[in-house]
Amino acid sequence: MLVISMIKISLLIMLSILFSGCVNKHGISAKYYSDCKEYYDLQGYYHKECGEDDIMTYKEMGEALKKKKPEPTGNVY
């Protein structure tokens, strides 16, 4: 039992070290600094397109954690 928990802890530490360089303000991406396209259109509005190289954004992580639990199928007393 102790060996299994040590393996889980060591895997968690290794994964956190692996992804620590790839976490930026958008989420987890392939690069630490995302390449953003910044431009003004013909009407003068500013546009900024970022996050094309993201593996997972913070919004997707939040939605994955908030998944609705299934409702019970029968009567529960």
C-alpha atoms as a PDB file:
ATOM      1  CA  MET A   1       0.000   0.000   0.000  1.00  0.00           C
ATOM      2  CA  LEU A   2       2.823   2.370   0.843  1.00  0.00           C
ATOM      3  CA  VAL A   3       4.600   1.543  -2.416  1.00  0.00           C
ATOM      4  CA  ILE A   4       1.517   2.417  -4.479  1.00  0.00           C
ATOM      5  CA  SER A   5       1.116   5.796  -2.774  1.00  0.00           C
ATOM      6  CA  MET A   6       4.820   6.541  -3.293  1.00  0.00           C
ATOM      7  CA  ILE A   7       4.449   5.732  -6.994  1.00  0.00           C
ATOM      8  CA  LYS A   8       1.437   8.055  -7.268  1.00  0.00           C
ATOM      9  CA  ILE A   9       3.275  10.851  -5.480  1.00  0.00           C
ATOM     10  CA  SER A  10       6.388  10.451  -7.620  1.00  0.00           C
ATOM     11  CA  LEU A  11       4.296  10.460 -10.832  1.00  0.00           C
ATOM     12  CA  LEU A  12       2.488  13.583  -9.674  1.00  0.00           C
ATOM     13  CA  ILE A  13       5.772  15.327  -8.942  1.00  0.00           C
ATOM     14  CA  MET A  14       7.245  14.328 -12.293  1.00  0.00           C
ATOM     15  CA  LEU A  15       4.154  15.544 -14.181  1.00  0.00           C
ATOM     16  CA  SER A  16       4.135  18.844 -12.299  1.00  0.00           C
ATOM     17  CA  ILE A  17       7.804  19.395 -13.182  1.00  0.00           C
ATOM     18  CA  LEU A  18       7.126  18.452 -16.791  1.00  0.00           C
ATOM     19  CA  PHE A  19       4.260  20.939 -17.199  1.00  0.00           C
ATOM     20  CA  SER A  20       5.703  23.728 -15.041  1.00  0.00           C
ATOM     21  CA  GLY A  21       7.493  25.270 -18.023  1.00  0.00           C
ATOM     22  CA  CYS A  22       4.384  25.150 -20.202  1.00  0.00           C
ATOM     23  CA  VAL A  23       1.899  26.898 -17.895  1.00  0.00           C
ATOM     24  CA  ASN A  24       1.155  30.446 -18.969  1.00  0.00           C
ATOM     25  CA  LYS A  25      -1.648  32.946 -18.424  1.00  0.00           C
ATOM     26  CA  HIS A  26      -3.977  31.093 -20.821  1.00  0.00           C
ATOM     27  CA  GLY A  27      -3.492  27.600 -19.417  1.00  0.00           C
ATOM     28  CA  ILE A  28      -1.252  24.715 -20.408  1.00  0.00           C
ATOM     29  CA  SER A  29       0.303  25.145 -23.815  1.00  0.00           C
ATOM     30  CA  ALA A  30       3.092  23.841 -25.996  1.00  0.00           C
ATOM     31  CA  LYS A  31       5.102  27.032 -25.407  1.00  0.00           C
ATOM     32  CA  TYR A  32       5.584  29.185 -22.314  1.00  0.00           C
ATOM     33  CA  TYR A  33       4.991  32.389 -24.284  1.00  0.00           C
ATOM     34  CA  SER A  34       2.049  32.142 -26.654  1.00  0.00           C
ATOM     35  CA  ASP A  35       2.344  33.739 -30.043  1.00  0.00           C
ATOM     36  CA  CYS A  36      -0.435  36.307 -30.221  1.00  0.00           C
ATOM     37  CA  LYS A  37      -1.689  38.057 -33.315  1.00  0.00           C
ATOM     38  CA  GLU A  38      -2.494  41.675 -32.554  1.00  0.00           C
ATOM     39  CA  TYR A  39      -4.024  43.899 -35.200  1.00  0.00           C
ATOM     40  CA  TYR A  40      -6.536  46.652 -35.930  1.00  0.00           C
ATOM     41  CA  ASP A  41      -9.261  46.024 -38.473  1.00  0.00           C
ATOM     42  CA  LEU A  42     -10.477  48.540 -41.074  1.00  0.00           C
ATOM     43  CA  GLN A  43     -12.957  50.067 -38.630  1.00  0.00           C
ATOM     44  CA  GLY A  44     -10.221  50.681 -36.056  1.00  0.00           C
ATOM     45  CA  TYR A  45     -11.141  47.928 -33.599  1.00  0.00           C
ATOM     46  CA  TYR A  46      -8.279  46.210 -31.804  1.00  0.00           C
ATOM     47  CA  HIS A  47      -8.106  42.407 -32.020  1.00  0.00           C
ATOM     48  CA  LYS A  48      -5.853  40.007 -30.168  1.00  0.00           C
ATOM     49  CA  GLU A  49      -5.928  36.313 -31.063  1.00  0.00           C
ATOM     50  CA  CYS A  50      -4.051  34.061 -28.659  1.00  0.00           C
ATOM     51  CA  GLY A  51      -4.068  30.517 -27.486  1.00  0.00           C
ATOM     52  CA  GLU A  52      -3.895  28.569 -30.724  1.00  0.00           C
ATOM     53  CA  ASP A  53      -1.125  26.393 -29.295  1.00  0.00           C
ATOM     54  CA  ASP A  54      -2.917  25.722 -25.988  1.00  0.00           C
ATOM     55  CA  ILE A  55      -3.276  22.128 -24.903  1.00  0.00           C
ATOM     56  CA  MET A  56      -5.867  23.043 -22.272  1.00  0.00           C
ATOM     57  CA  THR A  57      -7.140  26.440 -21.109  1.00  0.00           C
ATOM     58  CA  TYR A  58      -8.160  27.393 -17.598  1.00  0.00           C
ATOM     59  CA  LYS A  59     -11.768  27.672 -18.803  1.00  0.00           C
ATOM     60  CA  GLU A  60     -11.724  24.058 -20.037  1.00  0.00           C
ATOM     61  CA  MET A  61     -10.166  22.913 -16.749  1.00  0.00           C
ATOM     62  CA  GLY A  62     -12.924  24.634 -14.776  1.00  0.00           C
ATOM     63  CA  GLU A  63     -15.655  23.096 -16.923  1.00  0.00           C
ATOM     64  CA  ALA A  64     -14.119  19.644 -16.494  1.00  0.00           C
ATOM     65  CA  LEU A  65     -14.139  20.028 -12.704  1.00  0.00           C
ATOM     66  CA  LYS A  66     -17.736  21.297 -12.621  1.00  0.00           C
ATOM     67  CA  LYS A  67     -19.218  18.302 -14.413  1.00  0.00           C
ATOM     68  CA  LYS A  68     -22.668  17.529 -13.140  1.00  0.00           C
ATOM     69  CA  LYS A  69     -23.043  14.396 -11.038  1.00  0.00           C
ATOM     70  CA  PRO A  70     -25.526  11.868 -12.359  1.00  0.00           C
ATOM     71  CA  GLU A  71     -28.878  11.851 -10.616  1.00  0.00           C
ATOM     72  CA  PRO A  72     -29.988   8.694  -8.827  1.00  0.00           C
ATOM     73  CA  THR A  73     -32.131   6.420 -10.946  1.00  0.00           C
ATOM     74  CA  GLY A  74     -34.289   4.954  -8.217  1.00  0.00           C
ATOM     75  CA  ASN A  75     -35.935   6.007  -4.992  1.00  0.00           C
ATOM     76  CA  VAL A  76     -33.411   6.691  -2.266  1.00  0.00           C
ATOM     77  CA  TYR A  77     -34.653   6.605   1.306  1.00  0.00           C
END
